[in-house]
Amino acid sequence: MAKGLGVGPALIRASTAVNEQYERISSELGLTTQQARLLFILHRQPTNMLGLGSALRLTKSTMTGVIARMEASGLVVRVPDPGDRRNFVVTPTDLGADLAEDFEQRLRTEVRRMLNVLDPAERDTLATLLTKVIAAGED
């Protein structure tokens, strides 16, 4: 049990605990964490390779390889971007969408379980504080 941690170590431990669930669930679904994240993003909004690379902070060549492997596994399809023929829009297949939904549901369940130790007001306060931390990290 983590008691008396300072704010930095507590944030790191909480982040690690969520990441461990992310990795476990990805693995149980036969996905890498990168594939799970991509499917999660694409399931919400199919996008082009540039958008995906930016969201995942991957170079274009790395992104191309990841998408090629996912396409070969039947998780996504690439079609020419009607707005820019030099680019492709990546969309999950039915299998990819099903895995994305399953992943999201399982992760939500685990995060809710972890947050159940807090009352609603504490959860609201935590959300407000973490939003500030996230914004500072994105600057």
N, C-alpha and C. Protein backbone atom coordinates (compact mmCIF):
# COMPACT_ATOMS: atom_id res chain seq x y z
N MET A 1 0.85 -1.19 0.00
CA MET A 1 0.00 0.00 0.00
C MET A 1 0.89 1.23 0.00
N ALA A 2 0.58 2.17 -0.91
CA ALA A 2 1.36 3.40 -1.03
C ALA A 2 0.82 4.43 -0.05
N LYS A 3 1.59 4.71 1.01
CA LYS A 3 1.18 5.70 2.01
C LYS A 3 2.23 6.79 2.09
N GLY A 4 1.75 8.02 2.29
CA GLY A 4 2.64 9.13 2.55
C GLY A 4 3.57 9.51 1.42
N LEU A 5 3.19 9.23 0.19
CA LEU A 5 4.03 9.63 -0.94
C LEU A 5 3.90 11.12 -1.17
N GLY A 6 4.96 11.73 -1.64
CA GLY A 6 4.88 13.11 -2.09
C GLY A 6 4.11 13.16 -3.40
N VAL A 7 3.77 14.35 -3.84
CA VAL A 7 2.93 14.50 -5.03
C VAL A 7 3.60 13.94 -6.29
N GLY A 8 4.89 14.19 -6.46
CA GLY A 8 5.60 13.66 -7.64
C GLY A 8 5.61 12.15 -7.67
N PRO A 9 6.12 11.51 -6.61
CA PRO A 9 6.10 10.04 -6.60
C PRO A 9 4.69 9.46 -6.71
N ALA A 10 3.71 10.12 -6.09
CA ALA A 10 2.33 9.62 -6.17
C ALA A 10 1.81 9.67 -7.60
N LEU A 11 2.10 10.76 -8.30
CA LEU A 11 1.66 10.88 -9.69
C LEU A 11 2.34 9.83 -10.57
N ILE A 12 3.63 9.63 -10.33
CA ILE A 12 4.37 8.63 -11.11
C ILE A 12 3.82 7.23 -10.83
N ARG A 13 3.57 6.92 -9.57
CA ARG A 13 3.02 5.58 -9.23
C ARG A 13 1.63 5.39 -9.82
N ALA A 14 0.79 6.43 -9.77
CA ALA A 14 -0.57 6.33 -10.34
C ALA A 14 -0.49 6.14 -11.85
N SER A 15 0.37 6.89 -12.49
CA SER A 15 0.55 6.76 -13.94
C SER A 15 1.04 5.36 -14.30
N THR A 16 1.98 4.86 -13.52
CA THR A 16 2.51 3.51 -13.75
C THR A 16 1.42 2.46 -13.57
N ALA A 17 0.59 2.63 -12.55
CA ALA A 17 -0.50 1.66 -12.30
C ALA A 17 -1.48 1.62 -13.47
N VAL A 18 -1.83 2.77 -14.00
CA VAL A 18 -2.74 2.82 -15.16
C VAL A 18 -2.04 2.22 -16.37
N ASN A 19 -0.77 2.57 -16.58
CA ASN A 19 -0.03 2.04 -17.71
C ASN A 19 0.10 0.52 -17.65
N GLU A 20 0.27 -0.03 -16.46
CA GLU A 20 0.33 -1.49 -16.32
C GLU A 20 -0.98 -2.13 -16.75
N GLN A 21 -2.11 -1.51 -16.42
CA GLN A 21 -3.40 -2.03 -16.87
C GLN A 21 -3.52 -1.93 -18.39
N TYR A 22 -3.06 -0.83 -18.92
CA TYR A 22 -3.06 -0.59 -20.37
C TYR A 22 -2.28 -1.71 -21.07
N GLU A 23 -1.09 -1.99 -20.55
CA GLU A 23 -0.24 -3.03 -21.15
C GLU A 23 -0.86 -4.41 -20.99
N ARG A 24 -1.41 -4.71 -19.82
CA ARG A 24 -2.02 -6.02 -19.58
C ARG A 24 -3.20 -6.25 -20.51
N ILE A 25 -4.07 -5.28 -20.61
CA ILE A 25 -5.26 -5.43 -21.45
C ILE A 25 -4.87 -5.53 -22.92
N SER A 26 -3.93 -4.72 -23.36
CA SER A 26 -3.44 -4.80 -24.74
C SER A 26 -2.95 -6.21 -25.03
N SER A 27 -2.12 -6.72 -24.14
CA SER A 27 -1.55 -8.05 -24.31
C SER A 27 -2.63 -9.13 -24.35
N GLU A 28 -3.61 -9.03 -23.47
CA GLU A 28 -4.70 -10.01 -23.45
C GLU A 28 -5.48 -10.01 -24.76
N LEU A 29 -5.53 -8.87 -25.43
CA LEU A 29 -6.23 -8.77 -26.71
C LEU A 29 -5.32 -9.08 -27.90
N GLY A 30 -4.07 -9.42 -27.62
CA GLY A 30 -3.13 -9.75 -28.69
C GLY A 30 -2.59 -8.54 -29.41
N LEU A 31 -2.58 -7.39 -28.72
CA LEU A 31 -2.11 -6.14 -29.31
C LEU A 31 -0.89 -5.63 -28.55
N THR A 32 -0.07 -4.86 -29.25
CA THR A 32 0.95 -4.10 -28.55
C THR A 32 0.26 -2.86 -27.97
N THR A 33 0.90 -2.20 -27.03
CA THR A 33 0.29 -0.99 -26.48
C THR A 33 0.15 0.08 -27.57
N GLN A 34 1.10 0.12 -28.48
CA GLN A 34 1.05 1.07 -29.58
C GLN A 34 -0.16 0.78 -30.49
N GLN A 35 -0.39 -0.50 -30.80
CA GLN A 35 -1.54 -0.87 -31.62
C GLN A 35 -2.85 -0.54 -30.91
N ALA A 36 -2.91 -0.81 -29.61
CA ALA A 36 -4.13 -0.50 -28.85
C ALA A 36 -4.40 1.00 -28.88
N ARG A 37 -3.37 1.79 -28.69
CA ARG A 37 -3.55 3.24 -28.71
C ARG A 37 -4.00 3.72 -30.08
N LEU A 38 -3.39 3.19 -31.13
CA LEU A 38 -3.78 3.56 -32.49
C LEU A 38 -5.23 3.19 -32.78
N LEU A 39 -5.62 1.99 -32.41
CA LEU A 39 -7.00 1.57 -32.65
C LEU A 39 -7.97 2.44 -31.87
N PHE A 40 -7.60 2.79 -30.64
CA PHE A 40 -8.44 3.66 -29.82
C PHE A 40 -8.64 5.01 -30.51
N ILE A 41 -7.56 5.59 -31.01
CA ILE A 41 -7.63 6.88 -31.71
C ILE A 41 -8.46 6.74 -32.98
N LEU A 42 -8.17 5.72 -33.78
CA LEU A 42 -8.85 5.55 -35.07
C LEU A 42 -10.32 5.21 -34.92
N HIS A 43 -10.65 4.48 -33.88
CA HIS A 43 -12.05 4.11 -33.67
C HIS A 43 -12.90 5.35 -33.42
N ARG A 44 -12.31 6.32 -32.75
CA ARG A 44 -13.02 7.58 -32.48
C ARG A 44 -13.05 8.48 -33.71
N GLN A 45 -11.95 8.48 -34.47
CA GLN A 45 -11.87 9.37 -35.63
C GLN A 45 -10.83 8.86 -36.62
N PRO A 46 -11.25 8.20 -37.69
CA PRO A 46 -10.27 7.82 -38.72
C PRO A 46 -9.51 9.07 -39.15
N THR A 47 -8.22 8.91 -39.37
CA THR A 47 -7.39 10.07 -39.69
C THR A 47 -6.27 9.67 -40.63
N ASN A 48 -5.56 10.67 -41.10
CA ASN A 48 -4.46 10.38 -42.03
C ASN A 48 -3.19 10.03 -41.25
N MET A 49 -2.21 9.58 -42.00
CA MET A 49 -0.96 9.12 -41.39
C MET A 49 -0.25 10.26 -40.66
N LEU A 50 -0.33 11.46 -41.19
CA LEU A 50 0.31 12.60 -40.53
C LEU A 50 -0.31 12.86 -39.18
N GLY A 51 -1.63 12.82 -39.10
CA GLY A 51 -2.32 13.03 -37.84
C GLY A 51 -1.97 11.97 -36.82
N LEU A 52 -1.88 10.72 -37.27
CA LEU A 52 -1.53 9.63 -36.36
C LEU A 52 -0.10 9.77 -35.85
N GLY A 53 0.80 10.07 -36.76
CA GLY A 53 2.20 10.24 -36.36
C GLY A 53 2.35 11.34 -35.34
N SER A 54 1.62 12.42 -35.52
CA SER A 54 1.66 13.53 -34.59
C SER A 54 1.08 13.13 -33.23
N ALA A 55 -0.06 12.43 -33.25
CA ALA A 55 -0.71 12.01 -32.01
C ALA A 55 0.17 11.06 -31.21
N LEU A 56 0.90 10.21 -31.90
CA LEU A 56 1.74 9.21 -31.23
C LEU A 56 3.20 9.65 -31.13
N ARG A 57 3.51 10.79 -31.69
CA ARG A 57 4.88 11.31 -31.70
C ARG A 57 5.84 10.32 -32.37
N LEU A 58 5.41 9.83 -33.55
CA LEU A 58 6.23 8.91 -34.32
C LEU A 58 6.61 9.55 -35.65
N THR A 59 7.78 9.20 -36.16
CA THR A 59 8.17 9.70 -37.47
C THR A 59 7.30 9.06 -38.54
N LYS A 60 7.28 9.66 -39.70
CA LYS A 60 6.46 9.15 -40.80
C LYS A 60 6.87 7.72 -41.17
N SER A 61 8.18 7.45 -41.21
CA SER A 61 8.62 6.11 -41.59
C SER A 61 8.23 5.07 -40.54
N THR A 62 8.35 5.43 -39.27
CA THR A 62 7.93 4.51 -38.20
C THR A 62 6.43 4.27 -38.27
N MET A 63 5.67 5.35 -38.47
CA MET A 63 4.21 5.25 -38.55
C MET A 63 3.81 4.36 -39.72
N THR A 64 4.49 4.51 -40.85
CA THR A 64 4.18 3.69 -42.03
C THR A 64 4.39 2.21 -41.72
N GLY A 65 5.46 1.87 -41.02
CA GLY A 65 5.72 0.48 -40.66
C GLY A 65 4.68 -0.08 -39.70
N VAL A 66 4.30 0.71 -38.71
CA VAL A 66 3.29 0.27 -37.74
C VAL A 66 1.97 0.01 -38.46
N ILE A 67 1.55 0.95 -39.30
CA ILE A 67 0.28 0.81 -40.01
C ILE A 67 0.34 -0.38 -40.97
N ALA A 68 1.46 -0.58 -41.63
CA ALA A 68 1.60 -1.71 -42.56
C ALA A 68 1.42 -3.04 -41.82
N ARG A 69 2.01 -3.15 -40.62
CA ARG A 69 1.85 -4.38 -39.84
C ARG A 69 0.41 -4.56 -39.37
N MET A 70 -0.23 -3.47 -38.98
CA MET A 70 -1.63 -3.55 -38.54
C MET A 70 -2.55 -3.89 -39.72
N GLU A 71 -2.22 -3.37 -40.87
CA GLU A 71 -3.00 -3.67 -42.07
C GLU A 71 -2.85 -5.15 -42.43
N ALA A 72 -1.63 -5.67 -42.34
CA ALA A 72 -1.38 -7.08 -42.63
C ALA A 72 -2.11 -8.00 -41.64
N SER A 73 -2.33 -7.50 -40.42
CA SER A 73 -3.04 -8.27 -39.39
C SER A 73 -4.56 -8.12 -39.49
N GLY A 74 -5.01 -7.32 -40.45
CA GLY A 74 -6.44 -7.14 -40.63
C GLY A 74 -7.09 -6.19 -39.64
N LEU A 75 -6.29 -5.31 -39.03
CA LEU A 75 -6.83 -4.39 -38.03
C LEU A 75 -7.24 -3.04 -38.61
N VAL A 76 -6.58 -2.62 -39.70
CA VAL A 76 -6.88 -1.33 -40.32
C VAL A 76 -6.79 -1.46 -41.83
N VAL A 77 -7.36 -0.46 -42.50
CA VAL A 77 -7.20 -0.33 -43.95
C VAL A 77 -6.76 1.11 -44.23
N ARG A 78 -6.01 1.25 -45.32
CA ARG A 78 -5.58 2.58 -45.77
C ARG A 78 -6.24 2.86 -47.11
N VAL A 79 -6.79 4.05 -47.22
CA VAL A 79 -7.37 4.49 -48.50
C VAL A 79 -6.82 5.88 -48.79
N PRO A 80 -6.70 6.23 -50.07
CA PRO A 80 -6.21 7.57 -50.40
C PRO A 80 -7.08 8.65 -49.76
N ASP A 81 -6.42 9.67 -49.24
CA ASP A 81 -7.10 10.80 -48.61
C ASP A 81 -7.70 11.66 -49.73
N PRO A 82 -9.04 11.80 -49.75
CA PRO A 82 -9.65 12.59 -50.81
C PRO A 82 -9.21 14.05 -50.80
N GLY A 83 -8.78 14.55 -49.64
CA GLY A 83 -8.33 15.93 -49.53
C GLY A 83 -6.88 16.13 -49.89
N ASP A 84 -6.10 15.03 -49.95
CA ASP A 84 -4.67 15.12 -50.23
C ASP A 84 -4.21 13.76 -50.75
N ARG A 85 -4.15 13.60 -52.05
CA ARG A 85 -3.83 12.31 -52.67
C ARG A 85 -2.43 11.80 -52.32
N ARG A 86 -1.61 12.64 -51.71
CA ARG A 86 -0.27 12.19 -51.30
C ARG A 86 -0.33 11.44 -49.98
N ASN A 87 -1.49 11.45 -49.34
CA ASN A 87 -1.63 10.88 -48.00
C ASN A 87 -2.72 9.81 -48.00
N PHE A 88 -2.78 9.06 -46.91
CA PHE A 88 -3.78 8.03 -46.74
C PHE A 88 -4.58 8.27 -45.47
N VAL A 89 -5.85 7.89 -45.51
CA VAL A 89 -6.69 7.89 -44.32
C VAL A 89 -6.69 6.46 -43.80
N VAL A 90 -6.47 6.30 -42.52
CA VAL A 90 -6.43 4.97 -41.90
C VAL A 90 -7.72 4.78 -41.12
N THR A 91 -8.38 3.65 -41.36
CA THR A 91 -9.66 3.34 -40.73
C THR A 91 -9.59 1.94 -40.15
N PRO A 92 -10.13 1.72 -38.95
CA PRO A 92 -10.13 0.36 -38.42
C PRO A 92 -11.10 -0.54 -39.21
N THR A 93 -10.71 -1.79 -39.36
CA THR A 93 -11.62 -2.79 -39.93
C THR A 93 -12.64 -3.15 -38.84
N ASP A 94 -13.58 -4.01 -39.18
CA ASP A 94 -14.53 -4.46 -38.16
C ASP A 94 -13.79 -5.11 -36.99
N LEU A 95 -12.78 -5.94 -37.32
CA LEU A 95 -11.98 -6.57 -36.26
C LEU A 95 -11.28 -5.51 -35.42
N GLY A 96 -10.67 -4.53 -36.07
CA GLY A 96 -9.98 -3.47 -35.35
C GLY A 96 -10.93 -2.66 -34.47
N ALA A 97 -12.12 -2.37 -34.99
CA ALA A 97 -13.11 -1.61 -34.21
C ALA A 97 -13.58 -2.42 -33.01
N ASP A 98 -13.80 -3.72 -33.21
CA ASP A 98 -14.23 -4.58 -32.09
C ASP A 98 -13.16 -4.61 -31.00
N LEU A 99 -11.90 -4.75 -31.40
CA LEU A 99 -10.81 -4.77 -30.43
C LEU A 99 -10.69 -3.43 -29.72
N ALA A 100 -10.88 -2.33 -30.46
CA ALA A 100 -10.80 -1.00 -29.84
C ALA A 100 -11.90 -0.83 -28.80
N GLU A 101 -13.10 -1.28 -29.11
CA GLU A 101 -14.21 -1.18 -28.16
C GLU A 101 -13.96 -2.04 -26.93
N ASP A 102 -13.48 -3.26 -27.14
CA ASP A 102 -13.18 -4.16 -26.03
C ASP A 102 -12.09 -3.57 -25.15
N PHE A 103 -11.03 -3.07 -25.79
CA PHE A 103 -9.93 -2.44 -25.06
C PHE A 103 -10.45 -1.28 -24.21
N GLU A 104 -11.23 -0.39 -24.84
CA GLU A 104 -11.73 0.79 -24.12
C GLU A 104 -12.60 0.39 -22.93
N GLN A 105 -13.47 -0.58 -23.13
CA GLN A 105 -14.35 -1.01 -22.04
C GLN A 105 -13.56 -1.61 -20.88
N ARG A 106 -12.61 -2.46 -21.20
CA ARG A 106 -11.80 -3.08 -20.15
C ARG A 106 -10.98 -2.05 -19.39
N LEU A 107 -10.39 -1.10 -20.13
CA LEU A 107 -9.57 -0.08 -19.48
C LEU A 107 -10.45 0.82 -18.60
N ARG A 108 -11.61 1.20 -19.09
CA ARG A 108 -12.52 2.01 -18.27
C ARG A 108 -12.88 1.28 -16.98
N THR A 109 -13.16 0.00 -17.08
CA THR A 109 -13.52 -0.79 -15.90
C THR A 109 -12.39 -0.77 -14.89
N GLU A 110 -11.16 -0.96 -15.34
CA GLU A 110 -10.01 -0.98 -14.43
C GLU A 110 -9.76 0.38 -13.80
N VAL A 111 -9.88 1.44 -14.59
CA VAL A 111 -9.65 2.78 -14.05
C VAL A 111 -10.75 3.12 -13.04
N ARG A 112 -12.00 2.77 -13.36
CA ARG A 112 -13.08 3.00 -12.40
C ARG A 112 -12.82 2.26 -11.09
N ARG A 113 -12.35 1.02 -11.21
CA ARG A 113 -12.04 0.23 -10.02
C ARG A 113 -10.99 0.94 -9.17
N MET A 114 -9.98 1.47 -9.82
CA MET A 114 -8.92 2.17 -9.11
C MET A 114 -9.44 3.45 -8.46
N LEU A 115 -10.36 4.13 -9.12
CA LEU A 115 -10.88 5.40 -8.60
C LEU A 115 -12.01 5.24 -7.59
N ASN A 116 -12.51 4.03 -7.45
CA ASN A 116 -13.61 3.79 -6.50
C ASN A 116 -13.23 4.06 -5.05
N VAL A 117 -11.94 4.18 -4.76
CA VAL A 117 -11.53 4.50 -3.39
C VAL A 117 -11.79 5.98 -3.06
N LEU A 118 -12.11 6.77 -4.08
CA LEU A 118 -12.39 8.18 -3.90
C LEU A 118 -13.89 8.43 -3.93
N ASP A 119 -14.34 9.41 -3.15
CA ASP A 119 -15.75 9.79 -3.24
C ASP A 119 -15.91 10.73 -4.45
N PRO A 120 -17.14 10.99 -4.87
CA PRO A 120 -17.34 11.81 -6.07
C PRO A 120 -16.65 13.18 -6.03
N ALA A 121 -16.67 13.85 -4.89
CA ALA A 121 -16.02 15.16 -4.79
C ALA A 121 -14.50 15.02 -4.97
N GLU A 122 -13.92 13.97 -4.41
CA GLU A 122 -12.48 13.75 -4.56
C GLU A 122 -12.13 13.45 -6.02
N ARG A 123 -12.99 12.68 -6.69
CA ARG A 123 -12.75 12.38 -8.11
C ARG A 123 -12.80 13.67 -8.93
N ASP A 124 -13.77 14.55 -8.63
CA ASP A 124 -13.86 15.82 -9.35
C ASP A 124 -12.62 16.67 -9.12
N THR A 125 -12.16 16.73 -7.88
CA THR A 125 -10.96 17.50 -7.56
C THR A 125 -9.75 16.91 -8.28
N LEU A 126 -9.62 15.60 -8.26
CA LEU A 126 -8.51 14.94 -8.95
C LEU A 126 -8.55 15.26 -10.44
N ALA A 127 -9.72 15.20 -11.05
CA ALA A 127 -9.84 15.49 -12.48
C ALA A 127 -9.40 16.92 -12.78
N THR A 128 -9.80 17.86 -11.94
CA THR A 128 -9.41 19.26 -12.12
C THR A 128 -7.90 19.42 -12.02
N LEU A 129 -7.32 18.82 -11.01
CA LEU A 129 -5.89 18.94 -10.80
C LEU A 129 -5.08 18.26 -11.91
N LEU A 130 -5.50 17.07 -12.30
CA LEU A 130 -4.78 16.36 -13.37
C LEU A 130 -4.90 17.09 -14.70
N THR A 131 -6.03 17.72 -14.94
CA THR A 131 -6.19 18.51 -16.17
C THR A 131 -5.17 19.63 -16.23
N LYS A 132 -4.91 20.27 -15.09
CA LYS A 132 -3.89 21.32 -15.03
C LYS A 132 -2.50 20.75 -15.29
N VAL A 133 -2.21 19.58 -14.70
CA VAL A 133 -0.91 18.96 -14.88
C VAL A 133 -0.71 18.57 -16.35
N ILE A 134 -1.75 18.00 -16.95
CA ILE A 134 -1.68 17.61 -18.37
C ILE A 134 -1.42 18.83 -19.25
N ALA A 135 -2.16 19.90 -19.00
CA ALA A 135 -1.99 21.12 -19.79
C ALA A 135 -0.56 21.66 -19.67
N ALA A 136 0.00 21.61 -18.47
CA ALA A 136 1.38 22.07 -18.27
C ALA A 136 2.36 21.19 -19.03
N GLY A 137 2.08 19.90 -19.06
CA GLY A 137 2.95 18.98 -19.79
C GLY A 137 2.87 19.12 -21.29
N GLU A 138 1.75 19.64 -21.78
CA GLU A 138 1.57 19.80 -23.24
C GLU A 138 2.11 21.12 -23.75
N ASP A 139 2.42 22.04 -22.82
CA ASP A 139 2.98 23.34 -23.24
C ASP A 139 4.41 23.22 -23.66
